[in-house]
Amino acid sequence: MQSERFHNFANPFIRPDSPKQEALAEFLRERVCPMIERTLETVPNFDPAWEQIAHKQFEHMFRIQTPVQNSIPPLVLPSLL
C-alpha cells in the first residue's frame, strides 16, 4: 500500500455533518478502502507458528535474557570494630 495524503482533512474538531467530513468519507470510500481490500486479498492464511517465531525474533532483537540467579545473595556488613 502506498501512503495517502490526509492533510486536507486534518481537523481535530471536524463535525460529523460538515462538508469536510463528507469529503473525508468519500475519500476513504473511493480511494483508501479499495486499496485496503486489494491488499487484504494478498495476505497469507494464518499460521499458529508465527507467534513463536515472532517471540523468538523479539527475544533475539532485544536480547532478553532470563535471570540466572534464583536467590538473593547474602548481605555482608562491614564490621564496626
N, C-alpha and C. Protein backbone atom coordinates (compact mmCIF):
# COMPACT_ATOMS: atom_id res chain seq x y z
N MET A 1 0.84 -1.19 0.00
CA MET A 1 0.00 0.00 0.00
C MET A 1 0.88 1.24 0.00
N GLN A 2 0.48 2.18 -0.74
CA GLN A 2 1.17 3.46 -0.79
C GLN A 2 0.49 4.41 0.19
N SER A 3 1.25 5.36 0.67
CA SER A 3 0.65 6.32 1.61
C SER A 3 -0.29 7.26 0.87
N GLU A 4 -1.25 7.74 1.58
CA GLU A 4 -2.22 8.70 1.03
C GLU A 4 -2.07 10.00 1.80
N ARG A 5 -2.42 11.08 1.13
CA ARG A 5 -2.31 12.41 1.74
C ARG A 5 -3.63 12.75 2.45
N PHE A 6 -3.56 12.77 3.76
CA PHE A 6 -4.73 13.07 4.57
C PHE A 6 -4.70 14.49 5.13
N HIS A 7 -3.66 15.25 4.80
CA HIS A 7 -3.51 16.56 5.44
C HIS A 7 -4.68 17.50 5.13
N ASN A 8 -5.37 17.31 4.03
CA ASN A 8 -6.52 18.18 3.73
C ASN A 8 -7.67 17.98 4.72
N PHE A 9 -7.64 16.85 5.43
CA PHE A 9 -8.72 16.53 6.36
C PHE A 9 -8.29 16.67 7.81
N ALA A 10 -7.08 17.18 8.03
CA ALA A 10 -6.56 17.31 9.40
C ALA A 10 -7.31 18.41 10.13
N ASN A 11 -8.22 18.01 10.98
CA ASN A 11 -9.00 18.96 11.75
C ASN A 11 -9.52 18.20 12.98
N PRO A 12 -8.98 18.47 14.16
CA PRO A 12 -9.42 17.72 15.34
C PRO A 12 -10.86 18.04 15.74
N PHE A 13 -11.42 19.10 15.18
CA PHE A 13 -12.78 19.50 15.55
C PHE A 13 -13.76 19.30 14.41
N ILE A 14 -13.48 18.37 13.49
CA ILE A 14 -14.35 18.14 12.34
C ILE A 14 -15.73 17.68 12.83
N ARG A 15 -16.73 18.32 12.32
CA ARG A 15 -18.11 17.98 12.71
C ARG A 15 -18.63 16.85 11.85
N PRO A 16 -19.42 15.96 12.43
CA PRO A 16 -19.94 14.82 11.67
C PRO A 16 -20.79 15.22 10.47
N ASP A 17 -21.40 16.38 10.51
CA ASP A 17 -22.29 16.79 9.41
C ASP A 17 -21.66 17.86 8.53
N SER A 18 -20.35 18.05 8.62
CA SER A 18 -19.70 19.11 7.85
C SER A 18 -19.32 18.64 6.45
N PRO A 19 -19.15 19.57 5.52
CA PRO A 19 -18.71 19.20 4.17
C PRO A 19 -17.33 18.52 4.18
N LYS A 20 -16.45 18.94 5.08
CA LYS A 20 -15.13 18.32 5.16
C LYS A 20 -15.23 16.86 5.60
N GLN A 21 -16.15 16.57 6.52
CA GLN A 21 -16.33 15.18 6.95
C GLN A 21 -16.89 14.35 5.80
N GLU A 22 -17.79 14.92 5.04
CA GLU A 22 -18.34 14.22 3.86
C GLU A 22 -17.23 13.95 2.84
N ALA A 23 -16.36 14.93 2.64
CA ALA A 23 -15.25 14.75 1.70
C ALA A 23 -14.29 13.66 2.19
N LEU A 24 -14.04 13.63 3.50
CA LEU A 24 -13.19 12.59 4.06
C LEU A 24 -13.83 11.21 3.87
N ALA A 25 -15.10 11.11 4.15
CA ALA A 25 -15.80 9.83 3.99
C ALA A 25 -15.73 9.36 2.54
N GLU A 26 -15.92 10.27 1.61
CA GLU A 26 -15.85 9.92 0.19
C GLU A 26 -14.43 9.51 -0.20
N PHE A 27 -13.44 10.23 0.31
CA PHE A 27 -12.04 9.91 0.04
C PHE A 27 -11.72 8.50 0.55
N LEU A 28 -12.16 8.19 1.76
CA LEU A 28 -11.92 6.86 2.32
C LEU A 28 -12.63 5.79 1.50
N ARG A 29 -13.88 6.04 1.14
CA ARG A 29 -14.69 5.07 0.40
C ARG A 29 -14.13 4.83 -1.00
N GLU A 30 -13.70 5.86 -1.68
CA GLU A 30 -13.28 5.73 -3.07
C GLU A 30 -11.81 5.35 -3.26
N ARG A 31 -10.95 5.79 -2.33
CA ARG A 31 -9.51 5.56 -2.54
C ARG A 31 -8.89 4.60 -1.54
N VAL A 32 -9.17 4.82 -0.26
CA VAL A 32 -8.47 4.05 0.76
C VAL A 32 -9.06 2.65 0.92
N CYS A 33 -10.38 2.54 1.02
CA CYS A 33 -11.00 1.22 1.22
C CYS A 33 -10.67 0.24 0.09
N PRO A 34 -10.76 0.63 -1.17
CA PRO A 34 -10.40 -0.32 -2.23
C PRO A 34 -8.93 -0.76 -2.14
N MET A 35 -8.06 0.15 -1.74
CA MET A 35 -6.65 -0.19 -1.61
C MET A 35 -6.46 -1.22 -0.48
N ILE A 36 -7.16 -1.02 0.62
CA ILE A 36 -7.09 -1.96 1.74
C ILE A 36 -7.64 -3.31 1.31
N GLU A 37 -8.75 -3.32 0.59
CA GLU A 37 -9.34 -4.58 0.13
C GLU A 37 -8.38 -5.34 -0.78
N ARG A 38 -7.73 -4.64 -1.71
CA ARG A 38 -6.77 -5.31 -2.60
C ARG A 38 -5.59 -5.87 -1.81
N THR A 39 -5.15 -5.13 -0.83
CA THR A 39 -4.03 -5.58 -0.02
C THR A 39 -4.41 -6.81 0.80
N LEU A 40 -5.59 -6.81 1.37
CA LEU A 40 -6.03 -7.94 2.18
C LEU A 40 -6.17 -9.23 1.36
N GLU A 41 -6.41 -9.10 0.08
CA GLU A 41 -6.51 -10.28 -0.77
C GLU A 41 -5.17 -11.00 -0.90
N THR A 42 -4.07 -10.32 -0.62
CA THR A 42 -2.75 -10.92 -0.76
C THR A 42 -2.20 -11.47 0.56
N VAL A 43 -2.95 -11.33 1.64
CA VAL A 43 -2.49 -11.78 2.95
C VAL A 43 -2.55 -13.31 3.01
N PRO A 44 -1.47 -13.96 3.46
CA PRO A 44 -1.49 -15.42 3.57
C PRO A 44 -2.40 -15.88 4.70
N ASN A 45 -2.78 -17.15 4.66
CA ASN A 45 -3.59 -17.73 5.73
C ASN A 45 -2.80 -17.72 7.03
N PHE A 46 -3.53 -17.63 8.12
CA PHE A 46 -2.91 -17.58 9.44
C PHE A 46 -2.15 -18.87 9.73
N ASP A 47 -0.98 -18.73 10.33
CA ASP A 47 -0.18 -19.87 10.75
C ASP A 47 0.11 -19.71 12.24
N PRO A 48 -0.35 -20.64 13.09
CA PRO A 48 -0.14 -20.51 14.53
C PRO A 48 1.34 -20.45 14.92
N ALA A 49 2.23 -20.94 14.09
CA ALA A 49 3.66 -20.92 14.40
C ALA A 49 4.21 -19.50 14.40
N TRP A 50 3.52 -18.56 13.78
CA TRP A 50 4.01 -17.18 13.70
C TRP A 50 4.25 -16.58 15.07
N GLU A 51 3.40 -16.91 16.05
CA GLU A 51 3.56 -16.33 17.38
C GLU A 51 4.90 -16.72 17.98
N GLN A 52 5.27 -17.99 17.89
CA GLN A 52 6.56 -18.44 18.43
C GLN A 52 7.72 -17.82 17.65
N ILE A 53 7.58 -17.76 16.34
CA ILE A 53 8.63 -17.16 15.51
C ILE A 53 8.82 -15.70 15.89
N ALA A 54 7.72 -14.97 16.03
CA ALA A 54 7.80 -13.55 16.38
C ALA A 54 8.40 -13.38 17.77
N HIS A 55 8.03 -14.24 18.70
CA HIS A 55 8.55 -14.15 20.06
C HIS A 55 10.06 -14.39 20.06
N LYS A 56 10.52 -15.37 19.33
CA LYS A 56 11.96 -15.65 19.26
C LYS A 56 12.71 -14.49 18.60
N GLN A 57 12.13 -13.91 17.56
CA GLN A 57 12.77 -12.77 16.91
C GLN A 57 12.83 -11.58 17.86
N PHE A 58 11.77 -11.37 18.63
CA PHE A 58 11.74 -10.28 19.60
C PHE A 58 12.82 -10.49 20.66
N GLU A 59 12.90 -11.72 21.19
CA GLU A 59 13.92 -12.02 22.20
C GLU A 59 15.31 -11.75 21.64
N HIS A 60 15.55 -12.19 20.43
CA HIS A 60 16.87 -12.00 19.83
C HIS A 60 17.14 -10.51 19.58
N MET A 61 16.16 -9.81 19.08
CA MET A 61 16.34 -8.40 18.74
C MET A 61 16.68 -7.57 19.98
N PHE A 62 15.98 -7.84 21.07
CA PHE A 62 16.19 -7.05 22.28
C PHE A 62 17.05 -7.78 23.31
N ARG A 63 17.56 -8.93 22.93
CA ARG A 63 18.46 -9.73 23.78
C ARG A 63 17.90 -9.90 25.19
N ILE A 64 16.66 -10.34 25.23
CA ILE A 64 16.02 -10.58 26.52
C ILE A 64 16.62 -11.86 27.10
N GLN A 65 17.11 -11.78 28.32
CA GLN A 65 17.70 -12.93 28.97
C GLN A 65 16.94 -13.25 30.25
N THR A 66 16.78 -14.51 30.51
CA THR A 66 16.12 -14.90 31.74
C THR A 66 17.13 -14.79 32.88
N PRO A 67 16.69 -14.41 34.05
CA PRO A 67 17.62 -14.27 35.17
C PRO A 67 18.23 -15.62 35.53
N VAL A 68 19.53 -15.61 35.83
CA VAL A 68 20.24 -16.82 36.18
C VAL A 68 20.20 -17.04 37.68
N GLN A 69 20.27 -15.98 38.43
CA GLN A 69 20.31 -16.07 39.89
C GLN A 69 18.89 -16.21 40.42
N ASN A 70 18.66 -17.26 41.21
CA ASN A 70 17.33 -17.52 41.74
C ASN A 70 17.17 -17.14 43.20
N SER A 71 18.27 -16.78 43.85
CA SER A 71 18.17 -16.40 45.26
C SER A 71 18.92 -15.08 45.49
N ILE A 72 18.61 -14.47 46.59
CA ILE A 72 19.26 -13.22 46.95
C ILE A 72 20.60 -13.53 47.58
N PRO A 73 21.67 -12.88 47.16
CA PRO A 73 22.98 -13.16 47.78
C PRO A 73 22.98 -12.68 49.23
N PRO A 74 23.80 -13.32 50.08
CA PRO A 74 23.84 -12.91 51.49
C PRO A 74 24.37 -11.48 51.61
N LEU A 75 23.84 -10.79 52.57
CA LEU A 75 24.25 -9.43 52.84
C LEU A 75 25.43 -9.45 53.81
N VAL A 76 26.54 -8.89 53.44
CA VAL A 76 27.72 -8.86 54.29
C VAL A 76 27.94 -7.41 54.71
N LEU A 77 27.85 -7.18 56.00
CA LEU A 77 28.06 -5.83 56.54
C LEU A 77 29.50 -5.70 57.04
N PRO A 78 30.11 -4.56 56.83
CA PRO A 78 31.46 -4.37 57.37
C PRO A 78 31.40 -4.37 58.89
N SER A 79 32.43 -4.90 59.51
CA SER A 79 32.44 -4.91 60.96
C SER A 79 32.61 -3.49 61.50
N LEU A 80 31.98 -3.24 62.57
CA LEU A 80 32.00 -1.90 63.16
C LEU A 80 33.06 -1.78 64.26
N LEU A 81 34.00 -2.69 64.33
CA LEU A 81 35.04 -2.65 65.35
C LEU A 81 36.14 -1.69 65.03
